[in-house]
N, C-alpha and C. Protein backbone atom coordinates (compact mmCIF):
# COMPACT_ATOMS: atom_id res chain seq x y z
N MET A 1 -12.15 15.56 0.65
CA MET A 1 -11.76 16.69 -0.09
C MET A 1 -12.74 16.98 -1.31
N LYS A 2 -13.21 18.23 -1.50
CA LYS A 2 -14.11 18.49 -2.55
C LYS A 2 -13.28 18.84 -3.72
N GLY A 3 -13.93 18.50 -4.87
CA GLY A 3 -13.31 19.12 -6.15
C GLY A 3 -11.99 18.39 -6.67
N CYS A 4 -11.72 17.18 -6.16
CA CYS A 4 -10.69 16.52 -6.64
C CYS A 4 -10.86 15.78 -8.01
N SER A 5 -10.39 16.26 -9.10
CA SER A 5 -10.62 15.77 -10.43
C SER A 5 -10.19 14.29 -10.46
N LEU A 6 -9.06 13.91 -9.80
CA LEU A 6 -8.68 12.48 -9.91
C LEU A 6 -9.65 11.52 -9.24
N VAL A 7 -10.14 11.90 -8.08
CA VAL A 7 -11.10 11.08 -7.45
C VAL A 7 -12.41 10.94 -8.37
N ASP A 8 -12.90 12.17 -8.87
CA ASP A 8 -14.04 12.10 -9.71
C ASP A 8 -13.81 11.17 -10.99
N GLU A 9 -12.57 11.30 -11.50
CA GLU A 9 -12.28 10.46 -12.68
C GLU A 9 -12.32 8.81 -12.26
N PHE A 10 -11.78 8.66 -11.25
CA PHE A 10 -11.70 7.34 -10.59
C PHE A 10 -13.03 6.74 -10.36
N LEU A 11 -13.94 7.55 -9.63
CA LEU A 11 -15.31 7.02 -9.39
C LEU A 11 -16.12 6.81 -10.57
N ARG A 12 -15.82 7.77 -11.64
CA ARG A 12 -16.73 7.54 -12.94
C ARG A 12 -16.21 6.16 -13.56
N ASN A 13 -15.05 5.83 -13.36
CA ASN A 13 -14.42 4.62 -14.12
C ASN A 13 -14.02 3.64 -13.16
N LYS A 14 -14.62 3.50 -11.95
CA LYS A 14 -14.02 2.55 -11.04
C LYS A 14 -13.94 1.12 -11.50
N ARG A 15 -14.66 0.54 -12.23
CA ARG A 15 -14.49 -0.78 -12.71
C ARG A 15 -13.22 -0.89 -13.60
N LYS A 16 -12.76 0.09 -14.23
CA LYS A 16 -11.57 0.15 -14.99
C LYS A 16 -10.43 0.00 -14.16
N TYR A 17 -10.45 0.55 -12.94
CA TYR A 17 -9.29 0.71 -12.07
C TYR A 17 -9.16 -0.24 -10.91
N VAL A 18 -10.27 -0.79 -10.56
CA VAL A 18 -10.40 -1.72 -9.35
C VAL A 18 -11.27 -2.87 -9.82
N VAL A 19 -10.76 -4.01 -9.57
CA VAL A 19 -11.56 -5.34 -9.72
C VAL A 19 -12.15 -5.69 -8.51
N TYR A 20 -13.42 -5.90 -8.34
CA TYR A 20 -14.05 -6.37 -7.34
C TYR A 20 -13.71 -7.90 -7.14
N LYS A 21 -12.96 -8.22 -5.92
CA LYS A 21 -12.51 -9.63 -5.86
C LYS A 21 -13.67 -10.39 -4.85
N HIS A 22 -14.21 -11.35 -5.44
CA HIS A 22 -15.19 -12.17 -4.73
C HIS A 22 -14.81 -12.83 -3.52
N GLN A 23 -13.52 -13.12 -3.39
CA GLN A 23 -12.94 -13.80 -2.29
C GLN A 23 -12.77 -12.89 -1.00
N TYR A 24 -12.80 -11.60 -1.29
CA TYR A 24 -12.72 -10.62 -0.27
C TYR A 24 -13.99 -10.17 0.36
N SER A 25 -14.05 -9.74 1.51
CA SER A 25 -15.43 -9.32 2.01
C SER A 25 -15.67 -7.89 1.35
N ARG A 26 -16.83 -7.49 1.60
CA ARG A 26 -17.26 -6.14 1.01
C ARG A 26 -16.35 -5.07 1.67
N LYS A 27 -16.18 -5.35 2.90
CA LYS A 27 -15.42 -4.28 3.84
C LYS A 27 -13.98 -4.17 3.18
N SER A 28 -13.30 -5.29 3.01
CA SER A 28 -11.99 -5.40 2.32
C SER A 28 -11.89 -4.71 1.04
N ASN A 29 -12.91 -4.93 0.20
CA ASN A 29 -13.01 -4.26 -1.12
C ASN A 29 -13.16 -2.77 -1.12
N ASN A 30 -13.91 -2.29 0.02
CA ASN A 30 -14.18 -0.84 0.32
C ASN A 30 -12.91 -0.18 0.89
N GLU A 31 -12.17 -1.09 1.63
CA GLU A 31 -10.91 -0.37 2.28
C GLU A 31 -9.88 -0.28 1.07
N ARG A 32 -9.80 -1.15 0.11
CA ARG A 32 -8.79 -1.00 -1.02
C ARG A 32 -9.26 0.13 -1.74
N THR A 33 -10.48 0.41 -2.01
CA THR A 33 -11.00 1.58 -2.68
C THR A 33 -10.65 2.79 -1.97
N GLN A 34 -10.78 2.97 -0.68
CA GLN A 34 -10.51 4.09 0.10
C GLN A 34 -9.04 4.45 0.08
N LYS A 35 -8.16 3.38 0.03
CA LYS A 35 -6.70 3.59 0.07
C LYS A 35 -6.37 4.37 -1.34
N ILE A 36 -7.02 3.88 -2.33
CA ILE A 36 -6.72 4.47 -3.66
C ILE A 36 -7.20 5.91 -3.60
N ILE A 37 -8.43 6.12 -3.08
CA ILE A 37 -8.96 7.40 -3.01
C ILE A 37 -7.95 8.46 -2.28
N LYS A 38 -7.60 7.86 -1.18
CA LYS A 38 -6.56 8.72 -0.29
C LYS A 38 -5.28 9.10 -1.08
N PHE A 39 -4.78 8.14 -1.83
CA PHE A 39 -3.61 8.38 -2.71
C PHE A 39 -3.98 9.38 -3.76
N LEU A 40 -5.12 9.24 -4.37
CA LEU A 40 -5.54 10.38 -5.39
C LEU A 40 -5.79 11.65 -4.83
N GLN A 41 -6.36 11.71 -3.73
CA GLN A 41 -6.44 12.97 -3.02
C GLN A 41 -5.12 13.66 -2.75
N PHE A 42 -4.03 12.78 -2.35
CA PHE A 42 -2.75 13.32 -2.05
C PHE A 42 -2.10 13.89 -3.28
N CYS A 43 -2.44 13.19 -4.56
CA CYS A 43 -1.88 13.60 -5.74
C CYS A 43 -2.53 14.86 -6.16
N CYS A 44 -3.83 15.09 -5.91
CA CYS A 44 -4.54 16.37 -6.23
C CYS A 44 -3.91 17.55 -5.48
N LEU A 45 -3.56 17.26 -4.21
CA LEU A 45 -2.85 18.36 -3.49
C LEU A 45 -1.44 18.64 -4.12
N GLY A 46 -0.94 17.76 -4.77
CA GLY A 46 0.27 18.01 -5.54
C GLY A 46 0.20 18.54 -6.92
N GLY A 47 -1.10 18.67 -7.29
CA GLY A 47 -1.39 19.56 -8.55
C GLY A 47 -1.63 18.66 -9.79
N VAL A 48 -1.71 17.26 -9.54
CA VAL A 48 -2.08 16.36 -10.71
C VAL A 48 -3.52 16.48 -11.00
N LYS A 49 -3.74 16.62 -12.29
CA LYS A 49 -5.15 16.80 -12.84
C LYS A 49 -5.92 15.54 -13.36
N ARG A 50 -5.00 14.67 -14.03
CA ARG A 50 -5.53 13.47 -14.69
C ARG A 50 -4.75 12.21 -14.04
N ILE A 51 -5.51 11.05 -14.06
CA ILE A 51 -4.96 9.87 -13.49
C ILE A 51 -3.75 9.52 -14.45
N ARG A 52 -3.75 9.64 -15.57
CA ARG A 52 -2.56 9.24 -16.50
C ARG A 52 -1.38 10.06 -16.29
N ASP A 53 -1.54 11.22 -15.53
CA ASP A 53 -0.47 12.08 -15.27
C ASP A 53 0.23 11.94 -14.03
N ILE A 54 -0.18 10.79 -13.28
CA ILE A 54 0.38 10.42 -12.05
C ILE A 54 1.79 9.87 -12.32
N GLN A 55 2.86 10.39 -11.64
CA GLN A 55 4.18 9.95 -11.73
C GLN A 55 4.67 9.20 -10.56
N LYS A 56 5.80 8.55 -10.75
CA LYS A 56 6.40 7.73 -9.70
C LYS A 56 6.80 8.67 -8.59
N SER A 57 7.10 9.78 -8.82
CA SER A 57 7.43 10.83 -7.71
C SER A 57 6.29 11.05 -6.84
N ASN A 58 4.99 11.09 -7.51
CA ASN A 58 3.86 11.28 -6.57
C ASN A 58 3.64 10.07 -5.68
N TYR A 59 3.85 8.90 -6.13
CA TYR A 59 3.89 7.75 -5.46
C TYR A 59 4.83 7.73 -4.28
N ASP A 60 6.19 7.91 -4.59
CA ASP A 60 7.23 7.97 -3.51
C ASP A 60 6.86 9.00 -2.53
N GLU A 61 6.48 10.13 -2.86
CA GLU A 61 6.11 11.19 -1.84
C GLU A 61 5.03 10.66 -0.98
N PHE A 62 3.98 10.04 -1.54
CA PHE A 62 2.83 9.55 -0.81
C PHE A 62 3.35 8.52 0.21
N LEU A 63 4.28 7.52 -0.07
CA LEU A 63 4.86 6.60 0.73
C LEU A 63 5.73 7.29 1.91
N ARG A 64 6.45 8.31 1.57
CA ARG A 64 7.18 9.03 2.53
C ARG A 64 6.13 9.54 3.63
N HIS A 65 4.87 10.19 3.05
CA HIS A 65 3.95 10.70 3.91
C HIS A 65 3.40 9.57 4.81
N LEU A 66 3.20 8.45 4.20
CA LEU A 66 2.57 7.34 5.09
C LEU A 66 3.55 6.85 6.10
N ASN A 67 4.85 6.92 5.89
CA ASN A 67 5.87 6.22 6.80
C ASN A 67 5.79 7.07 8.14
N TYR A 68 5.42 8.43 8.14
CA TYR A 68 5.37 9.19 9.31
C TYR A 68 4.13 8.80 10.13
N SER A 69 3.26 8.15 9.80
CA SER A 69 1.99 7.91 10.55
C SER A 69 1.50 6.42 10.67
N TYR A 70 1.97 5.55 9.80
CA TYR A 70 1.36 4.23 9.70
C TYR A 70 2.41 3.16 9.94
N SER A 71 1.93 1.96 10.42
CA SER A 71 2.75 0.83 10.59
C SER A 71 3.06 0.23 9.24
N LEU A 72 4.12 -0.64 9.32
CA LEU A 72 4.58 -1.44 8.16
C LEU A 72 3.31 -2.20 7.38
N GLU A 73 2.59 -2.84 8.30
CA GLU A 73 1.38 -3.61 7.85
C GLU A 73 0.49 -2.65 7.10
N THR A 74 0.10 -1.54 7.59
CA THR A 74 -0.74 -0.60 6.88
C THR A 74 -0.19 -0.26 5.56
N ILE A 75 1.07 0.12 5.57
CA ILE A 75 1.78 0.63 4.36
C ILE A 75 1.75 -0.58 3.24
N ARG A 76 1.98 -1.83 3.77
CA ARG A 76 1.96 -3.07 2.92
C ARG A 76 0.49 -2.97 2.21
N LYS A 77 -0.53 -2.74 3.00
CA LYS A 77 -1.78 -2.87 2.34
C LYS A 77 -2.05 -1.77 1.37
N TYR A 78 -1.50 -0.55 1.59
CA TYR A 78 -1.58 0.48 0.69
C TYR A 78 -0.85 0.01 -0.65
N LYS A 79 0.27 -0.45 -0.45
CA LYS A 79 1.09 -0.91 -1.59
C LYS A 79 0.40 -1.93 -2.52
N LEU A 80 -0.23 -2.94 -1.79
CA LEU A 80 -1.21 -3.85 -2.50
C LEU A 80 -2.21 -3.21 -3.35
N ALA A 81 -2.89 -2.25 -2.70
CA ALA A 81 -4.07 -1.67 -3.40
C ALA A 81 -3.51 -0.71 -4.44
N LEU A 82 -2.54 -0.03 -4.26
CA LEU A 82 -1.94 0.78 -5.33
C LEU A 82 -1.23 0.11 -6.37
N SER A 83 -0.69 -1.09 -6.14
CA SER A 83 -0.12 -1.88 -7.17
C SER A 83 -1.14 -2.34 -8.18
N GLU A 84 -2.34 -2.70 -7.91
CA GLU A 84 -3.36 -3.05 -8.56
C GLU A 84 -3.86 -1.85 -9.46
N PHE A 85 -4.03 -0.80 -8.79
CA PHE A 85 -4.39 0.52 -9.42
C PHE A 85 -3.52 0.88 -10.52
N ALA A 86 -2.18 0.97 -10.21
CA ALA A 86 -1.12 1.48 -11.15
C ALA A 86 -1.01 0.44 -12.40
N ASN A 87 -1.29 -0.85 -12.12
CA ASN A 87 -1.30 -1.71 -13.27
C ASN A 87 -2.50 -1.53 -14.17
N ARG A 88 -3.74 -1.40 -13.64
CA ARG A 88 -4.89 -1.24 -14.28
C ARG A 88 -5.06 0.13 -15.02
N ALA A 89 -4.51 1.11 -14.31
CA ALA A 89 -4.41 2.46 -14.86
C ALA A 89 -3.32 2.69 -15.95
N LYS A 90 -2.60 1.63 -16.09
CA LYS A 90 -1.36 1.63 -17.00
C LYS A 90 -0.49 2.91 -16.86
N LEU A 91 -0.08 3.05 -15.54
CA LEU A 91 0.68 4.07 -15.15
C LEU A 91 2.24 3.73 -15.56
N ASP A 92 3.14 4.66 -15.76
CA ASP A 92 4.43 4.46 -16.18
C ASP A 92 5.38 3.93 -15.17
N PHE A 93 4.99 3.34 -14.02
CA PHE A 93 5.78 2.86 -13.02
C PHE A 93 5.13 1.61 -12.36
N LYS A 94 5.85 0.79 -11.74
CA LYS A 94 5.44 -0.36 -11.03
C LYS A 94 5.57 -0.06 -9.56
N VAL A 95 4.52 -0.52 -8.71
CA VAL A 95 4.64 -0.49 -7.44
C VAL A 95 5.11 -1.84 -6.83
N VAL A 96 6.38 -1.54 -6.21
CA VAL A 96 7.09 -2.89 -5.60
C VAL A 96 6.57 -3.02 -4.14
N LYS A 97 6.02 -4.07 -3.92
CA LYS A 97 5.45 -4.42 -2.64
C LYS A 97 6.27 -4.84 -1.50
N ASN A 98 7.46 -5.46 -1.82
CA ASN A 98 8.52 -5.85 -0.86
C ASN A 98 8.01 -6.34 0.43
N VAL A 99 7.01 -7.15 0.35
CA VAL A 99 6.29 -7.78 1.46
C VAL A 99 7.31 -8.67 2.23
N ASP A 100 8.07 -9.55 1.46
CA ASP A 100 9.07 -10.35 2.10
C ASP A 100 10.16 -9.56 2.84
N LYS A 101 10.62 -8.58 2.11
CA LYS A 101 11.61 -7.66 2.87
C LYS A 101 11.20 -7.14 4.19
N GLN A 102 9.83 -6.60 4.19
CA GLN A 102 9.34 -6.06 5.35
C GLN A 102 9.24 -7.13 6.54
N LYS A 103 8.80 -8.33 6.12
CA LYS A 103 8.66 -9.37 7.13
C LYS A 103 10.05 -9.71 7.69
N LYS A 104 11.07 -9.76 6.85
CA LYS A 104 12.42 -10.06 7.35
C LYS A 104 12.97 -8.98 8.19
N ARG A 105 12.67 -7.63 7.88
CA ARG A 105 13.10 -6.65 8.66
C ARG A 105 12.32 -6.78 10.13
N LYS A 106 11.08 -7.02 10.15
CA LYS A 106 10.48 -7.08 11.36
C LYS A 106 11.12 -8.19 12.08
N PHE A 107 11.31 -9.39 11.55
CA PHE A 107 12.07 -10.53 12.18
C PHE A 107 13.35 -10.13 12.74
N LEU A 108 14.17 -9.40 11.99
CA LEU A 108 15.59 -8.97 12.58
C LEU A 108 15.41 -8.05 13.64
N LYS A 109 14.32 -7.21 13.69
CA LYS A 109 14.00 -6.20 14.72
C LYS A 109 13.69 -6.97 15.87
N LEU A 110 12.79 -7.85 15.91
CA LEU A 110 12.45 -8.77 17.01
C LEU A 110 13.68 -9.59 17.56
N LYS A 111 14.42 -10.07 16.64
CA LYS A 111 15.62 -10.75 16.98
C LYS A 111 16.49 -9.92 17.89
N GLU A 112 16.77 -8.67 17.45
CA GLU A 112 17.64 -7.63 18.09
C GLU A 112 16.98 -7.26 19.42
N THR A 113 15.60 -7.22 19.50
CA THR A 113 14.91 -6.80 20.76
C THR A 113 15.14 -7.95 21.79
N LEU A 114 15.10 -9.16 21.33
CA LEU A 114 15.17 -10.18 22.21
C LEU A 114 16.50 -10.88 22.39
N LYS A 115 17.64 -10.17 22.00
CA LYS A 115 18.91 -10.74 21.91
C LYS A 115 19.42 -11.30 23.20
N ASP A 116 18.94 -10.77 24.29
CA ASP A 116 19.37 -11.32 25.62
C ASP A 116 18.55 -12.34 26.15
N CYS A 117 17.55 -12.84 25.30
CA CYS A 117 16.67 -13.91 25.55
C CYS A 117 17.47 -15.16 25.41
N GLU A 118 17.18 -16.26 26.19
CA GLU A 118 17.77 -17.48 26.16
C GLU A 118 17.29 -18.40 25.00
N CYS A 119 16.27 -17.95 24.34
CA CYS A 119 15.65 -18.72 23.27
C CYS A 119 16.42 -18.69 22.00
N ASN A 120 16.19 -19.64 21.11
CA ASN A 120 16.87 -19.58 19.87
C ASN A 120 15.77 -19.26 18.79
N LEU A 121 15.60 -17.97 18.39
CA LEU A 121 14.56 -17.46 17.49
C LEU A 121 14.73 -18.15 16.16
N ASN A 122 15.86 -18.47 15.79
CA ASN A 122 16.04 -19.06 14.22
C ASN A 122 15.35 -20.36 14.29
N GLU A 123 15.19 -21.13 15.48
CA GLU A 123 14.56 -22.36 15.40
C GLU A 123 13.06 -22.22 15.12
N TYR A 124 12.51 -21.06 15.50
CA TYR A 124 11.09 -20.79 15.21
C TYR A 124 10.77 -19.77 14.22
N ARG A 125 11.86 -19.63 13.42
CA ARG A 125 11.67 -18.48 12.38
C ARG A 125 10.40 -18.49 11.48
N ASP A 126 10.16 -19.78 10.97
CA ASP A 126 9.07 -20.00 10.02
C ASP A 126 7.70 -19.65 10.77
N GLU A 127 7.61 -20.10 12.00
CA GLU A 127 6.35 -19.89 12.72
C GLU A 127 6.24 -18.31 13.01
N ILE A 128 7.26 -17.69 13.29
CA ILE A 128 7.29 -16.28 13.62
C ILE A 128 6.97 -15.47 12.39
N MET A 129 7.56 -15.88 11.24
CA MET A 129 7.25 -15.17 9.88
C MET A 129 5.72 -15.12 9.62
N LYS A 130 5.24 -16.12 9.94
CA LYS A 130 3.70 -16.39 9.54
C LYS A 130 2.84 -15.31 10.45
N LEU A 131 3.35 -14.94 11.54
CA LEU A 131 2.61 -13.97 12.44
C LEU A 131 2.76 -12.57 11.82
N PHE A 132 3.68 -12.28 11.01
CA PHE A 132 3.76 -10.96 10.38
C PHE A 132 2.84 -11.00 9.13
């Protein structure tokens, strides 16, 4: 997207908004940055002109948009990236990651799917949760 003032502001001050984490690969750091840029482009389409003007409603609408196309894991990764961004940008809202709730929801869905199975999933709960 050309001409997005939010992306321009972000790229000019990238070190302010994203910390390069040495324990992550270059690819992972770039993916986090791209997730933030995608969010900022979405906000531009909504008429936001400056990063400090981003509201919780912009974030909520972006998540609704993601829910139509992406898996829970991908959405979780967006939340992680946007959580750091929101904190460092000193936005007036907190990004709640709810990672454990998503894992529990996946486990319950798996349990429901395999309800006719003769195995006891609760016995293997910890191992299954590590897979999510």
